[in-house]
Amino acid sequence: MKSILVILIAAALALPAAGETFPEGDLAAYIDSVDAVMLPVNCKAKMSVLDTFATGEDRASDGFFIRKNNRVVWVATAPASQKNFALLRDEDLFYERLAATNKVVKTSATANARGGETSNLDLTRFNTNRDYTVSYLGRDPVEGKECYRFELRAKNRKLAYSLVQLWVDRATRMPVKKAFFAVSGMALKYFTITRTDLRDGRATEVEMRYVDALKPENSSRLRLYDIRPLDRIPDQFFTKEYLESGRLFPYDF
């Protein structure tokens, strides 16, 4: 595992080819299309997260999320100890609903409300161009796929990661791998896509594994499934008042 991590970090820090331009034209439009393959702009989906720790104390969460462009709400439905835990992103505002007390408090992109290797930003960020300035680094085969490699630099310090490296499968426009770095340049973690189901050019199921760069024995496996585009989503779900109401199960709308 450590040797794989060293190779990953070395590749992520490699310099791009001088003067190389993106071969598919409009870079921002391409990145938007990559996001759309993984998740529609307006949708609902189910999400499960399994955290694995060196201590052997694994932990699992199940729930659903609703997305309306740059607004996302994630609600835990199981286990019982986490039921009604919720995380809300309303543009650049973040709130969480504590399962134990039902209290709603303000939080941030960098915080880790549910623990494990997934930050609040990991659970709610689906619009790359909004949060990052993207640069093309060239072609770089990875995981047996022909990929484009990109550098993502955070547009503000409120984000969890100052620098991200992204590999995208040229054939499907599906992300293959990401590496995350702090402001200092220190590697924080990475993820690889371990499973995907593509239908009609978009994912209906995606599974990814986040690994801690400093403690690779700690990881989180995040699965998105039953991904369904929606034509209409009520605004009521993306408010602090919605979290405070406790009526958090509108999955059949």
C-alpha atoms as a PDB file:
ATOM      1  CA  MET A   1       0.000   0.000   0.000  1.00  0.00           C
ATOM      2  CA  LYS A   2       2.785   2.462   0.901  1.00  0.00           C
ATOM      3  CA  SER A   3       4.581   1.870  -2.401  1.00  0.00           C
ATOM      4  CA  ILE A   4       1.364   2.540  -4.315  1.00  0.00           C
ATOM      5  CA  LEU A   5       0.882   5.743  -2.336  1.00  0.00           C
ATOM      6  CA  VAL A   6       4.421   6.956  -3.117  1.00  0.00           C
ATOM      7  CA  ILE A   7       3.866   6.350  -6.840  1.00  0.00           C
ATOM      8  CA  LEU A   8       0.536   8.181  -6.697  1.00  0.00           C
ATOM      9  CA  ILE A   9       1.979  11.246  -4.972  1.00  0.00           C
ATOM     10  CA  ALA A  10       4.968  11.364  -7.329  1.00  0.00           C
ATOM     11  CA  ALA A  11       2.660  11.260 -10.339  1.00  0.00           C
ATOM     12  CA  ALA A  12       0.402  13.928  -8.884  1.00  0.00           C
ATOM     13  CA  LEU A  13       3.303  16.312  -8.382  1.00  0.00           C
ATOM     14  CA  ALA A  14       4.784  15.769 -11.844  1.00  0.00           C
ATOM     15  CA  LEU A  15       4.991  18.918 -13.947  1.00  0.00           C
ATOM     16  CA  PRO A  16       2.682  19.309 -16.988  1.00  0.00           C
ATOM     17  CA  ALA A  17       4.031  19.352 -20.513  1.00  0.00           C
ATOM     18  CA  ALA A  18       4.997  22.925 -21.389  1.00  0.00           C
ATOM     19  CA  GLY A  19       2.485  24.721 -23.580  1.00  0.00           C
ATOM     20  CA  GLU A  20       0.190  21.711 -24.046  1.00  0.00           C
ATOM     21  CA  THR A  21      -3.389  22.664 -24.866  1.00  0.00           C
ATOM     22  CA  PHE A  22      -6.516  20.682 -24.124  1.00  0.00           C
ATOM     23  CA  PRO A  23      -7.306  18.622 -27.248  1.00  0.00           C
ATOM     24  CA  GLU A  24     -11.106  18.704 -26.854  1.00  0.00           C
ATOM     25  CA  GLY A  25     -11.555  22.481 -26.934  1.00  0.00           C
ATOM     26  CA  ASP A  26     -13.463  24.327 -24.191  1.00  0.00           C
ATOM     27  CA  LEU A  27     -11.974  23.072 -20.914  1.00  0.00           C
ATOM     28  CA  ALA A  28     -14.699  24.453 -18.628  1.00  0.00           C
ATOM     29  CA  ALA A  29     -17.442  22.879 -20.754  1.00  0.00           C
ATOM     30  CA  TYR A  30     -15.595  19.571 -20.724  1.00  0.00           C
ATOM     31  CA  ILE A  31     -15.303  19.580 -16.916  1.00  0.00           C
ATOM     32  CA  ASP A  32     -19.036  20.339 -16.663  1.00  0.00           C
ATOM     33  CA  SER A  33     -19.699  17.309 -18.877  1.00  0.00           C
ATOM     34  CA  VAL A  34     -17.491  15.155 -16.601  1.00  0.00           C
ATOM     35  CA  ASP A  35     -19.549  16.254 -13.591  1.00  0.00           C
ATOM     36  CA  ALA A  36     -22.774  15.488 -15.499  1.00  0.00           C
ATOM     37  CA  VAL A  37     -21.667  11.928 -16.304  1.00  0.00           C
ATOM     38  CA  MET A  38     -21.185  11.235 -12.612  1.00  0.00           C
ATOM     39  CA  LEU A  39     -24.247  13.093 -11.320  1.00  0.00           C
ATOM     40  CA  PRO A  40     -27.085  15.115 -12.951  1.00  0.00           C
ATOM     41  CA  VAL A  41     -27.406  18.770 -11.926  1.00  0.00           C
ATOM     42  CA  ASN A  42     -30.855  18.089 -10.449  1.00  0.00           C
ATOM     43  CA  CYS A  43     -31.295  14.619  -8.962  1.00  0.00           C
ATOM     44  CA  LYS A  44     -31.858  12.372  -5.992  1.00  0.00           C
ATOM     45  CA  ALA A  45     -29.837   9.295  -5.057  1.00  0.00           C
ATOM     46  CA  LYS A  46     -29.060   6.881  -2.264  1.00  0.00           C
ATOM     47  CA  MET A  47     -25.678   6.952  -0.568  1.00  0.00           C
ATOM     48  CA  SER A  48     -23.870   4.501   1.689  1.00  0.00           C
ATOM     49  CA  VAL A  49     -20.511   5.024   3.380  1.00  0.00           C
ATOM     50  CA  LEU A  50     -18.332   2.371   5.040  1.00  0.00           C
ATOM     51  CA  ASP A  51     -15.433   3.656   7.143  1.00  0.00           C
ATOM     52  CA  THR A  52     -12.552   1.267   7.885  1.00  0.00           C
ATOM     53  CA  PHE A  53     -10.040   2.051  10.648  1.00  0.00           C
ATOM     54  CA  ALA A  54      -6.743   0.520  11.735  1.00  0.00           C
ATOM     55  CA  THR A  55      -8.391  -0.202  15.098  1.00  0.00           C
ATOM     56  CA  GLY A  56     -10.859  -2.548  13.416  1.00  0.00           C
ATOM     57  CA  GLU A  57     -13.815  -0.420  14.527  1.00  0.00           C
ATOM     58  CA  ASP A  58     -15.568  -0.158  11.165  1.00  0.00           C
ATOM     59  CA  ARG A  59     -18.609   2.092  10.836  1.00  0.00           C
ATOM     60  CA  ALA A  60     -21.345   2.267   8.217  1.00  0.00           C
ATOM     61  CA  SER A  61     -23.936   4.880   7.251  1.00  0.00           C
ATOM     62  CA  ASP A  62     -26.870   4.695   4.855  1.00  0.00           C
ATOM     63  CA  GLY A  63     -28.986   7.539   3.590  1.00  0.00           C
ATOM     64  CA  PHE A  64     -30.081   9.610   0.628  1.00  0.00           C
ATOM     65  CA  PHE A  65     -29.264  12.961  -0.866  1.00  0.00           C
ATOM     66  CA  ILE A  66     -31.002  15.507  -3.040  1.00  0.00           C
ATOM     67  CA  ARG A  67     -29.148  17.872  -5.335  1.00  0.00           C
ATOM     68  CA  LYS A  68     -30.365  21.076  -6.988  1.00  0.00           C
ATOM     69  CA  ASN A  69     -27.367  22.590  -8.770  1.00  0.00           C
ATOM     70  CA  ASN A  70     -25.102  23.966  -6.000  1.00  0.00           C
ATOM     71  CA  ARG A  71     -27.437  23.010  -3.179  1.00  0.00           C
ATOM     72  CA  VAL A  72     -27.260  19.556  -1.620  1.00  0.00           C
ATOM     73  CA  VAL A  73     -28.818  17.927   1.418  1.00  0.00           C
ATOM     74  CA  TRP A  74     -27.648  14.531   2.706  1.00  0.00           C
ATOM     75  CA  VAL A  75     -29.729  12.657   5.293  1.00  0.00           C
ATOM     76  CA  ALA A  76     -28.718   9.510   7.186  1.00  0.00           C
ATOM     77  CA  THR A  77     -31.401   6.842   7.605  1.00  0.00           C
ATOM     78  CA  ALA A  78     -29.350   4.076   9.279  1.00  0.00           C
ATOM     79  CA  PRO A  79     -28.063   2.888  11.672  1.00  0.00           C
ATOM     80  CA  ALA A  80     -30.453   4.028  14.371  1.00  0.00           C
ATOM     81  CA  SER A  81     -27.707   5.973  16.166  1.00  0.00           C
ATOM     82  CA  GLN A  82     -27.225   8.163  13.059  1.00  0.00           C
ATOM     83  CA  LYS A  83     -30.839   8.433  11.929  1.00  0.00           C
ATOM     84  CA  ASN A  84     -31.811  12.055  11.181  1.00  0.00           C
ATOM     85  CA  PHE A  85     -28.207  13.201  11.015  1.00  0.00           C
ATOM     86  CA  ALA A  86     -28.168  15.598   8.068  1.00  0.00           C
ATOM     87  CA  LEU A  87     -25.701  17.744   6.180  1.00  0.00           C
ATOM     88  CA  LEU A  88     -26.791  20.733   4.104  1.00  0.00           C
ATOM     89  CA  ARG A  89     -24.843  22.740   1.568  1.00  0.00           C
ATOM     90  CA  ASP A  90     -26.642  25.880   0.399  1.00  0.00           C
ATOM     91  CA  GLU A  91     -24.152  27.363  -2.084  1.00  0.00           C
ATOM     92  CA  ASP A  92     -21.239  28.299   0.249  1.00  0.00           C
ATOM     93  CA  LEU A  93     -23.124  27.811   3.541  1.00  0.00           C
ATOM     94  CA  PHE A  94     -22.895  24.500   5.415  1.00  0.00           C
ATOM     95  CA  TYR A  95     -25.125  23.219   8.243  1.00  0.00           C
ATOM     96  CA  GLU A  96     -25.347  19.888  10.029  1.00  0.00           C
ATOM     97  CA  ARG A  97     -28.106  18.357  12.116  1.00  0.00           C
ATOM     98  CA  LEU A  98     -26.749  16.399  15.063  1.00  0.00           C
ATOM     99  CA  ALA A  99     -28.344  12.964  15.384  1.00  0.00           C
ATOM    100  CA  ALA A 100     -27.990  12.818  19.166  1.00  0.00           C
ATOM    101  CA  THR A 101     -29.533  16.207  20.022  1.00  0.00           C
ATOM    102  CA  ASN A 102     -31.401  17.173  16.795  1.00  0.00           C
ATOM    103  CA  LYS A 103     -29.652  20.527  17.071  1.00  0.00           C
ATOM    104  CA  VAL A 104     -28.722  22.323  13.821  1.00  0.00           C
ATOM    105  CA  VAL A 105     -25.340  24.059  13.793  1.00  0.00           C
ATOM    106  CA  LYS A 106     -23.319  25.908  11.195  1.00  0.00           C
ATOM    107  CA  THR A 107     -20.279  24.043   9.875  1.00  0.00           C
ATOM    108  CA  SER A 108     -17.850  24.321   6.948  1.00  0.00           C
ATOM    109  CA  ALA A 109     -16.544  22.570   3.837  1.00  0.00           C
ATOM    110  CA  THR A 110     -13.356  21.560   5.647  1.00  0.00           C
ATOM    111  CA  ALA A 111     -15.113  19.928   8.608  1.00  0.00           C
ATOM    112  CA  ASN A 112     -15.757  16.196   8.811  1.00  0.00           C
ATOM    113  CA  ALA A 113     -19.257  15.986  10.244  1.00  0.00           C
ATOM    114  CA  ARG A 114     -19.714  12.209  10.039  1.00  0.00           C
ATOM    115  CA  GLY A 115     -16.090  11.156  10.536  1.00  0.00           C
ATOM    116  CA  GLY A 116     -14.057   8.802   8.360  1.00  0.00           C
ATOM    117  CA  GLU A 117     -12.184   9.997   5.274  1.00  0.00           C
ATOM    118  CA  THR A 118     -15.053  11.972   3.733  1.00  0.00           C
ATOM    119  CA  SER A 119     -15.164  15.697   4.494  1.00  0.00           C
ATOM    120  CA  ASN A 120     -18.331  17.784   4.215  1.00  0.00           C
ATOM    121  CA  LEU A 121     -17.075  18.928   0.820  1.00  0.00           C
ATOM    122  CA  ASP A 122     -16.663  15.321  -0.379  1.00  0.00           C
ATOM    123  CA  LEU A 123     -20.312  14.618   0.416  1.00  0.00           C
ATOM    124  CA  THR A 124     -21.714  17.768  -1.202  1.00  0.00           C
ATOM    125  CA  ARG A 125     -19.378  19.027  -3.966  1.00  0.00           C
ATOM    126  CA  PHE A 126     -20.586  18.144  -7.439  1.00  0.00           C
ATOM    127  CA  ASN A 127     -19.818  21.327  -9.413  1.00  0.00           C
ATOM    128  CA  THR A 128     -16.071  21.410 -10.062  1.00  0.00           C
ATOM    129  CA  ASN A 129     -15.921  24.710 -11.959  1.00  0.00           C
ATOM    130  CA  ARG A 130     -17.686  26.523  -9.138  1.00  0.00           C
ATOM    131  CA  ASP A 131     -15.089  25.599  -6.523  1.00  0.00           C
ATOM    132  CA  TYR A 132     -11.888  25.210  -8.547  1.00  0.00           C
ATOM    133  CA  THR A 133      -9.847  26.722 -11.357  1.00  0.00           C
ATOM    134  CA  VAL A 134      -9.005  23.854 -13.705  1.00  0.00           C
ATOM    135  CA  SER A 135      -5.831  23.407 -15.776  1.00  0.00           C
ATOM    136  CA  TYR A 136      -4.991  20.640 -18.242  1.00  0.00           C
ATOM    137  CA  LEU A 137      -1.825  18.668 -17.484  1.00  0.00           C
ATOM    138  CA  GLY A 138      -1.769  16.192 -20.368  1.00  0.00           C
ATOM    139  CA  ARG A 139      -2.502  12.531 -21.066  1.00  0.00           C
ATOM    140  CA  ASP A 140      -1.682  10.018 -18.348  1.00  0.00           C
ATOM    141  CA  PRO A 141      -2.744   6.327 -18.406  1.00  0.00           C
ATOM    142  CA  VAL A 142      -3.979   5.109 -15.021  1.00  0.00           C
ATOM    143  CA  GLU A 143      -5.855   2.047 -13.756  1.00  0.00           C
ATOM    144  CA  GLY A 144      -5.537   0.556 -17.266  1.00  0.00           C
ATOM    145  CA  LYS A 145      -7.433   3.466 -18.836  1.00  0.00           C
ATOM    146  CA  GLU A 146      -6.332   6.236 -21.190  1.00  0.00           C
ATOM    147  CA  CYS A 147      -6.894   9.375 -19.122  1.00  0.00           C
ATOM    148  CA  TYR A 148      -6.658  13.133 -19.229  1.00  0.00           C
ATOM    149  CA  ARG A 149      -5.034  14.621 -16.122  1.00  0.00           C
ATOM    150  CA  PHE A 150      -6.122  17.958 -14.659  1.00  0.00           C
ATOM    151  CA  GLU A 151      -5.019  20.252 -11.847  1.00  0.00           C
ATOM    152  CA  LEU A 152      -7.733  21.861  -9.715  1.00  0.00           C
ATOM    153  CA  ARG A 153      -6.815  24.891  -7.600  1.00  0.00           C
ATOM    154  CA  ALA A 154      -9.284  26.121  -4.984  1.00  0.00           C
ATOM    155  CA  LYS A 155     -10.911  29.492  -5.641  1.00  0.00           C
ATOM    156  CA  ASN A 156     -11.110  30.294  -1.917  1.00  0.00           C
ATOM    157  CA  ARG A 157      -9.580  29.132   1.361  1.00  0.00           C
ATOM    158  CA  LYS A 158     -12.904  27.850   2.672  1.00  0.00           C
ATOM    159  CA  LEU A 159     -12.543  24.651   0.665  1.00  0.00           C
ATOM    160  CA  ALA A 160     -11.183  21.474   2.206  1.00  0.00           C
ATOM    161  CA  TYR A 161      -8.416  21.037  -0.368  1.00  0.00           C
ATOM    162  CA  SER A 162      -6.179  23.718  -1.853  1.00  0.00           C
ATOM    163  CA  LEU A 163      -5.010  21.510  -4.715  1.00  0.00           C
ATOM    164  CA  VAL A 164      -6.578  18.475  -6.368  1.00  0.00           C
ATOM    165  CA  GLN A 165      -5.296  16.275  -9.178  1.00  0.00           C
ATOM    166  CA  LEU A 166      -7.981  14.625 -11.316  1.00  0.00           C
ATOM    167  CA  TRP A 167      -7.721  11.781 -13.842  1.00  0.00           C
ATOM    168  CA  VAL A 168     -10.635  11.327 -16.295  1.00  0.00           C
ATOM    169  CA  ASP A 169     -11.234   8.368 -18.608  1.00  0.00           C
ATOM    170  CA  ARG A 170     -11.039   9.743 -22.156  1.00  0.00           C
ATOM    171  CA  ALA A 171     -13.515   7.154 -23.473  1.00  0.00           C
ATOM    172  CA  THR A 172     -16.334   7.678 -20.950  1.00  0.00           C
ATOM    173  CA  ARG A 173     -15.576  11.086 -19.325  1.00  0.00           C
ATOM    174  CA  MET A 174     -15.823   9.314 -15.983  1.00  0.00           C
ATOM    175  CA  PRO A 175     -13.385  10.277 -13.187  1.00  0.00           C
ATOM    176  CA  VAL A 176     -10.917   7.494 -12.419  1.00  0.00           C
ATOM    177  CA  LYS A 177      -8.808   8.928  -9.603  1.00  0.00           C
ATOM    178  CA  LYS A 178      -8.309  12.053  -7.497  1.00  0.00           C
ATOM    179  CA  ALA A 179      -5.466  13.104  -5.205  1.00  0.00           C
ATOM    180  CA  PHE A 180      -6.032  15.825  -2.577  1.00  0.00           C
ATOM    181  CA  PHE A 181      -3.426  18.227  -1.131  1.00  0.00           C
ATOM    182  CA  ALA A 182      -3.268  20.866   1.621  1.00  0.00           C
ATOM    183  CA  VAL A 183      -2.134  24.478   1.137  1.00  0.00           C
ATOM    184  CA  SER A 184       1.389  23.382   2.110  1.00  0.00           C
ATOM    185  CA  GLY A 185       1.418  20.837  -0.719  1.00  0.00           C
ATOM    186  CA  MET A 186       1.218  17.903   1.692  1.00  0.00           C
ATOM    187  CA  ALA A 187      -0.745  14.924   0.349  1.00  0.00           C
ATOM    188  CA  LEU A 188      -3.936  14.424   2.385  1.00  0.00           C
ATOM    189  CA  LYS A 189      -5.722  11.551   0.686  1.00  0.00           C
ATOM    190  CA  TYR A 190      -6.766  10.118  -2.637  1.00  0.00           C
ATOM    191  CA  PHE A 191      -9.679   8.213  -4.088  1.00  0.00           C
ATOM    192  CA  THR A 192     -10.096   5.738  -6.889  1.00  0.00           C
ATOM    193  CA  ILE A 193     -13.331   4.724  -8.592  1.00  0.00           C
ATOM    194  CA  THR A 194     -13.730   1.023  -7.774  1.00  0.00           C
ATOM    195  CA  ARG A 195     -17.043   0.406  -9.526  1.00  0.00           C
ATOM    196  CA  THR A 196     -19.323   2.205 -11.954  1.00  0.00           C
ATOM    197  CA  ASP A 197     -22.475   1.425 -13.924  1.00  0.00           C
ATOM    198  CA  LEU A 198     -22.912   3.676 -16.982  1.00  0.00           C
ATOM    199  CA  ARG A 199     -26.153   3.829 -18.944  1.00  0.00           C
ATOM    200  CA  ASP A 200     -26.893   6.231 -21.786  1.00  0.00           C
ATOM    201  CA  GLY A 201     -23.720   8.182 -21.059  1.00  0.00           C
ATOM    202  CA  ARG A 202     -24.244   8.747 -17.333  1.00  0.00           C
ATOM    203  CA  ALA A 203     -23.681   6.858 -14.114  1.00  0.00           C
ATOM    204  CA  THR A 204     -26.526   5.081 -12.366  1.00  0.00           C
ATOM    205  CA  GLU A 205     -24.168   3.750  -9.696  1.00  0.00           C
ATOM    206  CA  VAL A 206     -20.673   4.780  -8.580  1.00  0.00           C
ATOM    207  CA  GLU A 207     -18.417   3.421  -5.849  1.00  0.00           C
ATOM    208  CA  MET A 208     -15.209   5.145  -4.764  1.00  0.00           C
ATOM    209  CA  ARG A 209     -12.606   4.448  -2.095  1.00  0.00           C
ATOM    210  CA  TYR A 210     -10.988   7.306  -0.152  1.00  0.00           C
ATOM    211  CA  VAL A 211      -7.613   6.505   1.458  1.00  0.00           C
ATOM    212  CA  ASP A 212      -5.741   8.590   4.048  1.00  0.00           C
ATOM    213  CA  ALA A 213      -2.288   9.517   2.649  1.00  0.00           C
ATOM    214  CA  LEU A 214      -0.639   9.423   6.076  1.00  0.00           C
ATOM    215  CA  LYS A 215      -2.555   6.437   7.464  1.00  0.00           C
ATOM    216  CA  PRO A 216      -3.442   4.266   4.451  1.00  0.00           C
ATOM    217  CA  GLU A 217      -4.987   1.663   6.733  1.00  0.00           C
ATOM    218  CA  ASN A 218      -7.832   4.182   7.254  1.00  0.00           C
ATOM    219  CA  SER A 219     -10.265   4.435   4.354  1.00  0.00           C
ATOM    220  CA  SER A 220     -13.879   5.187   3.441  1.00  0.00           C
ATOM    221  CA  ARG A 221     -15.850   3.457   0.710  1.00  0.00           C
ATOM    222  CA  LEU A 222     -18.612   5.704  -0.650  1.00  0.00           C
ATOM    223  CA  ARG A 223     -21.341   4.317  -2.899  1.00  0.00           C
ATOM    224  CA  LEU A 224     -23.873   6.389  -4.863  1.00  0.00           C
ATOM    225  CA  TYR A 225     -26.709   4.371  -6.374  1.00  0.00           C
ATOM    226  CA  ASP A 226     -30.282   4.614  -7.615  1.00  0.00           C
ATOM    227  CA  ILE A 227     -29.237   7.959  -9.141  1.00  0.00           C
ATOM    228  CA  ARG A 228     -32.313   9.574 -10.705  1.00  0.00           C
ATOM    229  CA  PRO A 229     -32.510  12.880 -12.608  1.00  0.00           C
ATOM    230  CA  LEU A 230     -35.380  15.140 -11.549  1.00  0.00           C
ATOM    231  CA  ASP A 231     -37.219  17.848 -13.474  1.00  0.00           C
ATOM    232  CA  ARG A 232     -38.428  19.674 -10.386  1.00  0.00           C
ATOM    233  CA  ILE A 233     -37.094  19.882  -6.833  1.00  0.00           C
ATOM    234  CA  PRO A 234     -38.777  22.009  -4.122  1.00  0.00           C
ATOM    235  CA  ASP A 235     -36.517  24.673  -2.607  1.00  0.00           C
ATOM    236  CA  GLN A 236     -37.735  23.823   0.897  1.00  0.00           C
ATOM    237  CA  PHE A 237     -35.206  20.992   1.267  1.00  0.00           C
ATOM    238  CA  PHE A 238     -32.206  23.337   1.108  1.00  0.00           C
ATOM    239  CA  THR A 239     -32.843  25.489   4.163  1.00  0.00           C
ATOM    240  CA  LYS A 240     -31.772  25.441   7.781  1.00  0.00           C
ATOM    241  CA  GLU A 241     -35.483  25.392   8.686  1.00  0.00           C
ATOM    242  CA  TYR A 242     -35.875  22.103   6.827  1.00  0.00           C
ATOM    243  CA  LEU A 243     -33.191  20.490   8.990  1.00  0.00           C
ATOM    244  CA  GLU A 244     -34.763  21.935  12.142  1.00  0.00           C
ATOM    245  CA  SER A 245     -38.210  20.585  11.242  1.00  0.00           C
ATOM    246  CA  GLY A 246     -37.125  16.957  11.651  1.00  0.00           C
ATOM    247  CA  ARG A 247     -39.287  15.905   8.681  1.00  0.00           C
ATOM    248  CA  LEU A 248     -36.326  14.611   6.716  1.00  0.00           C
ATOM    249  CA  PHE A 249     -37.663  11.827   4.533  1.00  0.00           C
ATOM    250  CA  PRO A 250     -39.087  13.281   1.275  1.00  0.00           C
ATOM    251  CA  TYR A 251     -37.462  10.609  -0.868  1.00  0.00           C
ATOM    252  CA  ASP A 252     -40.665   9.728  -2.773  1.00  0.00           C
ATOM    253  CA  PHE A 253     -41.428  13.217  -4.091  1.00  0.00           C
END
